[in-house]
Amino acid sequence: SERTLSSTVGWFRQAPGKEREFVAAITRVGSSTDYA
């Protein structure tokens, strides 16, 4: 929904046998982006 994806959204990934790791994010305020 728009309400959900207007929030800060991130992508993570998890390979077999590894912990879930951060990939990318886009913030609610200002739509700033950040990447691994």
All heavy atoms as atom14 arrays in JSON, in Angstrom:
{
  "sequence": "SERTLSSTVGWFRQAPGKEREFVAAITRVGSSTDYA",
  "atom14_mask": [
    [1, 1, 1, 1, 1, 1, 0, 0, 0, 0, 0, 0, 0, 0],
    [1, 1, 1, 1, 1, 1, 1, 1, 1, 0, 0, 0, 0, 0],
    [1, 1, 1, 1, 1, 1, 1, 1, 1, 1, 1, 0, 0, 0],
    [1, 1, 1, 1, 1, 1, 1, 0, 0, 0, 0, 0, 0, 0],
    [1, 1, 1, 1, 1, 1, 1, 1, 0, 0, 0, 0, 0, 0],
    [1, 1, 1, 1, 1, 1, 0, 0, 0, 0, 0, 0, 0, 0],
    [1, 1, 1, 1, 1, 1, 0, 0, 0, 0, 0, 0, 0, 0],
    [1, 1, 1, 1, 1, 1, 1, 0, 0, 0, 0, 0, 0, 0],
    [1, 1, 1, 1, 1, 1, 1, 0, 0, 0, 0, 0, 0, 0],
    [1, 1, 1, 1, 0, 0, 0, 0, 0, 0, 0, 0, 0, 0],
    [1, 1, 1, 1, 1, 1, 1, 1, 1, 1, 1, 1, 1, 1],
    [1, 1, 1, 1, 1, 1, 1, 1, 1, 1, 1, 0, 0, 0],
    [1, 1, 1, 1, 1, 1, 1, 1, 1, 1, 1, 0, 0, 0],
    [1, 1, 1, 1, 1, 1, 1, 1, 1, 0, 0, 0, 0, 0],
    [1, 1, 1, 1, 1, 0, 0, 0, 0, 0, 0, 0, 0, 0],
    [1, 1, 1, 1, 1, 1, 1, 0, 0, 0, 0, 0, 0, 0],
    [1, 1, 1, 1, 0, 0, 0, 0, 0, 0, 0, 0, 0, 0],
    [1, 1, 1, 1, 1, 1, 1, 1, 1, 0, 0, 0, 0, 0],
    [1, 1, 1, 1, 1, 1, 1, 1, 1, 0, 0, 0, 0, 0],
    [1, 1, 1, 1, 1, 1, 1, 1, 1, 1, 1, 0, 0, 0],
    [1, 1, 1, 1, 1, 1, 1, 1, 1, 0, 0, 0, 0, 0],
    [1, 1, 1, 1, 1, 1, 1, 1, 1, 1, 1, 0, 0, 0],
    [1, 1, 1, 1, 1, 1, 1, 0, 0, 0, 0, 0, 0, 0],
    [1, 1, 1, 1, 1, 0, 0, 0, 0, 0, 0, 0, 0, 0],
    [1, 1, 1, 1, 1, 0, 0, 0, 0, 0, 0, 0, 0, 0],
    [1, 1, 1, 1, 1, 1, 1, 1, 0, 0, 0, 0, 0, 0],
    [1, 1, 1, 1, 1, 1, 1, 0, 0, 0, 0, 0, 0, 0],
    [1, 1, 1, 1, 1, 1, 1, 1, 1, 1, 1, 0, 0, 0],
    [1, 1, 1, 1, 1, 1, 1, 0, 0, 0, 0, 0, 0, 0],
    [1, 1, 1, 1, 0, 0, 0, 0, 0, 0, 0, 0, 0, 0],
    [1, 1, 1, 1, 1, 1, 0, 0, 0, 0, 0, 0, 0, 0],
    [1, 1, 1, 1, 1, 1, 0, 0, 0, 0, 0, 0, 0, 0],
    [1, 1, 1, 1, 1, 1, 1, 0, 0, 0, 0, 0, 0, 0],
    [1, 1, 1, 1, 1, 1, 1, 1, 0, 0, 0, 0, 0, 0],
    [1, 1, 1, 1, 1, 1, 1, 1, 1, 1, 1, 1, 0, 0],
    [1, 1, 1, 1, 1, 0, 0, 0, 0, 0, 0, 0, 0, 0]
  ],
  "atom14_positions": [
    [[0.83, -1.2, 0.0], [0.0, 0.0, 0.0], [0.87, 1.26, 0.0], [2.04, 1.22, 0.38], [-0.9, 0.0, 1.24], [-0.11, 0.19, 2.4], [0.0, 0.0, 0.0], [0.0, 0.0, 0.0], [0.0, 0.0, 0.0], [0.0, 0.0, 0.0], [0.0, 0.0, 0.0], [0.0, 0.0, 0.0], [0.0, 0.0, 0.0], [0.0, 0.0, 0.0]],
    [[0.26, 2.37, -0.42], [0.99, 3.63, -0.42], [1.44, 3.99, 1.0], [2.57, 4.48, 1.2], [0.11, 4.75, -0.97], [0.78, 6.12, -0.94], [-0.16, 7.23, -1.33], [-1.33, 6.94, -1.66], [0.27, 8.39, -1.31], [0.0, 0.0, 0.0], [0.0, 0.0, 0.0], [0.0, 0.0, 0.0], [0.0, 0.0, 0.0], [0.0, 0.0, 0.0]],
    [[0.6, 3.75, 1.97], [0.95, 4.08, 3.35], [2.22, 3.32, 3.77], [3.1, 3.87, 4.42], [-0.2, 3.74, 4.28], [0.11, 4.04, 5.73], [-1.12, 3.86, 6.6], [-0.83, 4.19, 8.0], [-1.75, 4.24, 8.94], [-3.01, 4.01, 8.64], [-1.43, 4.54, 10.18], [0.0, 0.0, 0.0], [0.0, 0.0, 0.0], [0.0, 0.0, 0.0]],
    [[2.29, 2.06, 3.38], [3.43, 1.24, 3.77], [4.7, 1.68, 3.05], [5.76, 1.85, 3.66], [3.16, -0.23, 3.48], [2.07, -0.67, 4.31], [4.38, -1.09, 3.76], [0.0, 0.0, 0.0], [0.0, 0.0, 0.0], [0.0, 0.0, 0.0], [0.0, 0.0, 0.0], [0.0, 0.0, 0.0], [0.0, 0.0, 0.0], [0.0, 0.0, 0.0]],
    [[4.6, 1.88, 1.74], [5.81, 2.17, 0.96], [6.19, 3.63, 0.97], [7.2, 4.01, 0.38], [5.66, 1.64, -0.46], [5.59, 0.11, -0.54], [5.59, -0.34, -1.99], [6.73, -0.54, 0.21], [0.0, 0.0, 0.0], [0.0, 0.0, 0.0], [0.0, 0.0, 0.0], [0.0, 0.0, 0.0], [0.0, 0.0, 0.0], [0.0, 0.0, 0.0]],
    [[5.41, 4.47, 1.64], [5.84, 5.84, 1.89], [6.79, 5.9, 3.07], [7.44, 6.92, 3.29], [4.63, 6.74, 2.18], [3.8, 6.85, 1.05], [0.0, 0.0, 0.0], [0.0, 0.0, 0.0], [0.0, 0.0, 0.0], [0.0, 0.0, 0.0], [0.0, 0.0, 0.0], [0.0, 0.0, 0.0], [0.0, 0.0, 0.0], [0.0, 0.0, 0.0]],
    [[6.86, 4.81, 3.81], [7.77, 4.75, 4.96], [9.2, 4.49, 4.46], [9.44, 4.39, 3.27], [7.35, 3.62, 5.9], [7.6, 2.35, 5.29], [0.0, 0.0, 0.0], [0.0, 0.0, 0.0], [0.0, 0.0, 0.0], [0.0, 0.0, 0.0], [0.0, 0.0, 0.0], [0.0, 0.0, 0.0], [0.0, 0.0, 0.0], [0.0, 0.0, 0.0]],
    [[10.13, 4.37, 5.39], [11.49, 3.98, 5.03], [11.47, 2.49, 4.65], [10.99, 1.66, 5.43], [12.46, 4.22, 6.17], [12.59, 5.64, 6.37], [13.84, 3.63, 5.89], [0.0, 0.0, 0.0], [0.0, 0.0, 0.0], [0.0, 0.0, 0.0], [0.0, 0.0, 0.0], [0.0, 0.0, 0.0], [0.0, 0.0, 0.0], [0.0, 0.0, 0.0]],
    [[11.95, 2.2, 3.46], [11.93, 0.85, 2.9], [13.35, 0.38, 2.64], [14.2, 1.16, 2.19], [11.12, 0.84, 1.59], [11.16, -0.56, 0.95], [9.68, 1.26, 1.84], [0.0, 0.0, 0.0], [0.0, 0.0, 0.0], [0.0, 0.0, 0.0], [0.0, 0.0, 0.0], [0.0, 0.0, 0.0], [0.0, 0.0, 0.0], [0.0, 0.0, 0.0]],
    [[13.6, -0.87, 2.92], [14.92, -1.42, 2.71], [14.87, -2.75, 1.97], [13.82, -3.4, 1.92], [0.0, 0.0, 0.0], [0.0, 0.0, 0.0], [0.0, 0.0, 0.0], [0.0, 0.0, 0.0], [0.0, 0.0, 0.0], [0.0, 0.0, 0.0], [0.0, 0.0, 0.0], [0.0, 0.0, 0.0], [0.0, 0.0, 0.0], [0.0, 0.0, 0.0]],
    [[15.98, -3.1, 1.38], [16.18, -4.43, 0.82], [17.33, -5.1, 1.58], [18.37, -4.47, 1.81], [16.54, -4.36, -0.67], [15.4, -4.04, -1.58], [15.02, -2.82, -2.03], [14.47, -4.98, -2.14], [13.94, -2.95, -2.85], [13.58, -4.25, -2.94], [14.32, -6.37, -2.06], [12.53, -4.86, -3.65], [13.3, -6.97, -2.77], [12.41, -6.21, -3.55]],
    [[17.09, -6.34, 1.94], [18.11, -7.15, 2.58], [18.26, -8.44, 1.77], [17.41, -8.76, 0.94], [17.69, -7.51, 4.02], [17.8, -6.37, 4.98], [16.89, -5.33, 4.96], [18.81, -6.33, 5.93], [16.99, -4.27, 5.85], [18.92, -5.27, 6.83], [18.0, -4.24, 6.78], [0.0, 0.0, 0.0], [0.0, 0.0, 0.0], [0.0, 0.0, 0.0]],
    [[19.31, -9.18, 2.04], [19.46, -10.47, 1.38], [20.09, -11.47, 2.34], [20.78, -11.09, 3.29], [20.32, -10.35, 0.12], [21.78, -9.96, 0.37], [22.48, -9.69, -0.96], [23.89, -9.35, -0.77], [24.69, -8.95, -1.76], [24.22, -8.85, -3.01], [25.95, -8.67, -1.5], [0.0, 0.0, 0.0], [0.0, 0.0, 0.0], [0.0, 0.0, 0.0]],
    [[19.81, -12.73, 2.07], [20.34, -13.79, 2.91], [20.74, -14.98, 2.05], [19.91, -15.56, 1.36], [19.31, -14.22, 3.96], [19.85, -15.17, 5.0], [18.92, -15.29, 6.19], [17.73, -14.94, 6.13], [19.45, -15.78, 7.3], [0.0, 0.0, 0.0], [0.0, 0.0, 0.0], [0.0, 0.0, 0.0], [0.0, 0.0, 0.0], [0.0, 0.0, 0.0]],
    [[22.02, -15.29, 2.1], [22.54, -16.45, 1.39], [22.53, -17.65, 2.33], [22.52, -17.48, 3.56], [23.96, -16.17, 0.91], [0.0, 0.0, 0.0], [0.0, 0.0, 0.0], [0.0, 0.0, 0.0], [0.0, 0.0, 0.0], [0.0, 0.0, 0.0], [0.0, 0.0, 0.0], [0.0, 0.0, 0.0], [0.0, 0.0, 0.0], [0.0, 0.0, 0.0]],
    [[22.53, -18.87, 1.79], [22.5, -20.06, 2.65], [23.65, -20.07, 3.65], [24.8, -19.82, 3.3], [22.64, -21.2, 1.64], [22.1, -20.67, 0.37], [22.48, -19.22, 0.36], [0.0, 0.0, 0.0], [0.0, 0.0, 0.0], [0.0, 0.0, 0.0], [0.0, 0.0, 0.0], [0.0, 0.0, 0.0], [0.0, 0.0, 0.0], [0.0, 0.0, 0.0]],
    [[23.32, -20.3, 4.91], [24.33, -20.38, 5.95], [24.86, -19.04, 6.43], [25.77, -19.0, 7.26], [0.0, 0.0, 0.0], [0.0, 0.0, 0.0], [0.0, 0.0, 0.0], [0.0, 0.0, 0.0], [0.0, 0.0, 0.0], [0.0, 0.0, 0.0], [0.0, 0.0, 0.0], [0.0, 0.0, 0.0], [0.0, 0.0, 0.0], [0.0, 0.0, 0.0]],
    [[24.3, -17.96, 5.92], [24.77, -16.62, 6.31], [23.65, -15.83, 6.95], [22.47, -16.14, 6.79], [25.32, -15.88, 5.09], [26.57, -16.51, 4.49], [27.17, -15.62, 3.44], [28.47, -16.2, 2.91], [29.09, -15.31, 1.88], [0.0, 0.0, 0.0], [0.0, 0.0, 0.0], [0.0, 0.0, 0.0], [0.0, 0.0, 0.0], [0.0, 0.0, 0.0]],
    [[24.03, -14.77, 7.66], [23.05, -13.89, 8.27], [22.44, -12.97, 7.21], [23.04, -12.71, 6.18], [23.71, -13.06, 9.38], [24.19, -13.88, 10.56], [24.66, -12.99, 11.71], [24.77, -11.77, 11.52], [24.94, -13.54, 12.79], [0.0, 0.0, 0.0], [0.0, 0.0, 0.0], [0.0, 0.0, 0.0], [0.0, 0.0, 0.0], [0.0, 0.0, 0.0]],
    [[21.26, -12.48, 7.53], [20.6, -11.52, 6.65], [21.41, -10.23, 6.67], [21.76, -9.72, 7.75], [19.17, -11.28, 7.12], [18.31, -10.55, 6.13], [16.84, -10.61, 6.53], [16.32, -11.98, 6.51], [15.03, -12.28, 6.61], [14.14, -11.31, 6.73], [14.63, -13.53, 6.61], [0.0, 0.0, 0.0], [0.0, 0.0, 0.0], [0.0, 0.0, 0.0]],
    [[21.69, -9.69, 5.49], [22.52, -8.49, 5.41], [21.81, -7.38, 4.65], [21.03, -7.62, 3.73], [23.87, -8.8, 4.74], [23.79, -9.21, 3.29], [25.17, -9.35, 2.65], [26.19, -9.17, 3.34], [25.22, -9.62, 1.43], [0.0, 0.0, 0.0], [0.0, 0.0, 0.0], [0.0, 0.0, 0.0], [0.0, 0.0, 0.0], [0.0, 0.0, 0.0]],
    [[22.15, -6.17, 5.02], [21.6, -4.97, 4.4], [22.1, -4.82, 2.97], [23.28, -5.08, 2.69], [21.99, -3.75, 5.22], [21.7, -2.44, 4.56], [20.4, -1.96, 4.47], [22.73, -1.68, 4.02], [20.13, -0.76, 3.86], [22.46, -0.46, 3.41], [21.17, -0.01, 3.34], [0.0, 0.0, 0.0], [0.0, 0.0, 0.0], [0.0, 0.0, 0.0]],
    [[21.21, -4.39, 2.09], [21.58, -4.13, 0.7], [21.37, -2.66, 0.35], [22.29, -1.99, -0.12], [20.75, -5.01, -0.26], [21.06, -4.65, -1.72], [21.02, -6.49, -0.01], [0.0, 0.0, 0.0], [0.0, 0.0, 0.0], [0.0, 0.0, 0.0], [0.0, 0.0, 0.0], [0.0, 0.0, 0.0], [0.0, 0.0, 0.0], [0.0, 0.0, 0.0]],
    [[20.17, -2.15, 0.59], [19.86, -0.77, 0.21], [18.64, -0.3, 0.98], [17.83, -1.1, 1.46], [19.58, -0.67, -1.29], [0.0, 0.0, 0.0], [0.0, 0.0, 0.0], [0.0, 0.0, 0.0], [0.0, 0.0, 0.0], [0.0, 0.0, 0.0], [0.0, 0.0, 0.0], [0.0, 0.0, 0.0], [0.0, 0.0, 0.0], [0.0, 0.0, 0.0]],
    [[18.51, 1.03, 1.1], [17.35, 1.62, 1.77], [17.03, 2.96, 1.16], [17.91, 3.65, 0.62], [17.59, 1.76, 3.26], [0.0, 0.0, 0.0], [0.0, 0.0, 0.0], [0.0, 0.0, 0.0], [0.0, 0.0, 0.0], [0.0, 0.0, 0.0], [0.0, 0.0, 0.0], [0.0, 0.0, 0.0], [0.0, 0.0, 0.0], [0.0, 0.0, 0.0]],
    [[15.75, 3.34, 1.26], [15.3, 4.67, 0.85], [14.44, 5.2, 1.98], [13.52, 4.52, 2.46], [14.54, 4.61, -0.49], [14.13, 6.01, -0.94], [13.36, 3.66, -0.45], [13.68, 6.07, -2.4], [0.0, 0.0, 0.0], [0.0, 0.0, 0.0], [0.0, 0.0, 0.0], [0.0, 0.0, 0.0], [0.0, 0.0, 0.0], [0.0, 0.0, 0.0]],
    [[14.74, 6.41, 2.46], [14.09, 6.92, 3.65], [12.75, 7.59, 3.36], [12.5, 8.07, 2.25], [14.99, 7.92, 4.39], [15.21, 9.07, 3.53], [16.32, 7.32, 4.76], [0.0, 0.0, 0.0], [0.0, 0.0, 0.0], [0.0, 0.0, 0.0], [0.0, 0.0, 0.0], [0.0, 0.0, 0.0], [0.0, 0.0, 0.0], [0.0, 0.0, 0.0]],
    [[11.91, 7.61, 4.38], [10.63, 8.31, 4.27], [10.84, 9.8, 4.1], [10.18, 10.44, 3.28], [9.78, 8.04, 5.52], [8.47, 8.81, 5.55], [7.65, 8.48, 6.79], [8.32, 8.88, 8.02], [8.31, 10.1, 8.51], [7.68, 11.07, 7.87], [8.92, 10.37, 9.64], [0.0, 0.0, 0.0], [0.0, 0.0, 0.0], [0.0, 0.0, 0.0]],
    [[11.75, 10.34, 4.91], [12.01, 11.78, 4.89], [13.09, 12.07, 3.86], [14.24, 11.62, 4.0], [12.44, 12.3, 6.27], [12.68, 13.8, 6.21], [11.38, 11.95, 7.32], [0.0, 0.0, 0.0], [0.0, 0.0, 0.0], [0.0, 0.0, 0.0], [0.0, 0.0, 0.0], [0.0, 0.0, 0.0], [0.0, 0.0, 0.0], [0.0, 0.0, 0.0]],
    [[12.73, 12.76, 2.83], [13.7, 13.19, 1.83], [14.08, 12.16, 0.79], [14.83, 12.45, -0.13], [0.0, 0.0, 0.0], [0.0, 0.0, 0.0], [0.0, 0.0, 0.0], [0.0, 0.0, 0.0], [0.0, 0.0, 0.0], [0.0, 0.0, 0.0], [0.0, 0.0, 0.0], [0.0, 0.0, 0.0], [0.0, 0.0, 0.0], [0.0, 0.0, 0.0]],
    [[13.57, 10.93, 0.95], [13.89, 9.84, 0.01], [15.4, 9.71, -0.2], [15.88, 9.51, -1.32], [13.19, 10.06, -1.33], [11.79, 9.89, -1.19], [0.0, 0.0, 0.0], [0.0, 0.0, 0.0], [0.0, 0.0, 0.0], [0.0, 0.0, 0.0], [0.0, 0.0, 0.0], [0.0, 0.0, 0.0], [0.0, 0.0, 0.0], [0.0, 0.0, 0.0]],
    [[16.14, 9.83, 0.89], [17.59, 9.59, 0.8], [17.84, 8.11, 0.61], [17.1, 7.26, 1.13], [18.28, 10.07, 2.08], [18.13, 11.45, 2.24], [0.0, 0.0, 0.0], [0.0, 0.0, 0.0], [0.0, 0.0, 0.0], [0.0, 0.0, 0.0], [0.0, 0.0, 0.0], [0.0, 0.0, 0.0], [0.0, 0.0, 0.0], [0.0, 0.0, 0.0]],
    [[18.89, 7.79, -0.12], [19.21, 6.38, -0.36], [20.55, 6.01, 0.28], [21.42, 6.87, 0.46], [19.27, 6.07, -1.86], [20.21, 6.94, -2.49], [17.89, 6.27, -2.5], [0.0, 0.0, 0.0], [0.0, 0.0, 0.0], [0.0, 0.0, 0.0], [0.0, 0.0, 0.0], [0.0, 0.0, 0.0], [0.0, 0.0, 0.0], [0.0, 0.0, 0.0]],
    [[20.67, 4.75, 0.61], [21.89, 4.26, 1.22], [22.12, 2.85, 0.69], [21.17, 2.12, 0.44], [21.77, 4.24, 2.74], [23.1, 4.11, 3.45], [24.15, 4.19, 2.77], [23.1, 3.9, 4.68], [0.0, 0.0, 0.0], [0.0, 0.0, 0.0], [0.0, 0.0, 0.0], [0.0, 0.0, 0.0], [0.0, 0.0, 0.0], [0.0, 0.0, 0.0]],
    [[23.39, 2.48, 0.54], [23.73, 1.19, -0.04], [24.85, 0.51, 0.73], [25.74, 1.18, 1.28], [24.18, 1.37, -1.5], [23.12, 1.95, -2.4], [23.03, 3.32, -2.6], [22.2, 1.13, -3.04], [22.05, 3.87, -3.41], [21.21, 1.66, -3.86], [21.15, 3.03, -4.03], [20.18, 3.57, -4.83], [0.0, 0.0, 0.0], [0.0, 0.0, 0.0]],
    [[24.82, -0.8, 0.72], [25.97, -1.55, 1.22], [27.14, -1.3, 0.28], [26.97, -1.14, -0.93], [25.63, -3.04, 1.28], [0.0, 0.0, 0.0], [0.0, 0.0, 0.0], [0.0, 0.0, 0.0], [0.0, 0.0, 0.0], [0.0, 0.0, 0.0], [0.0, 0.0, 0.0], [0.0, 0.0, 0.0], [0.0, 0.0, 0.0], [0.0, 0.0, 0.0]]
  ]
}
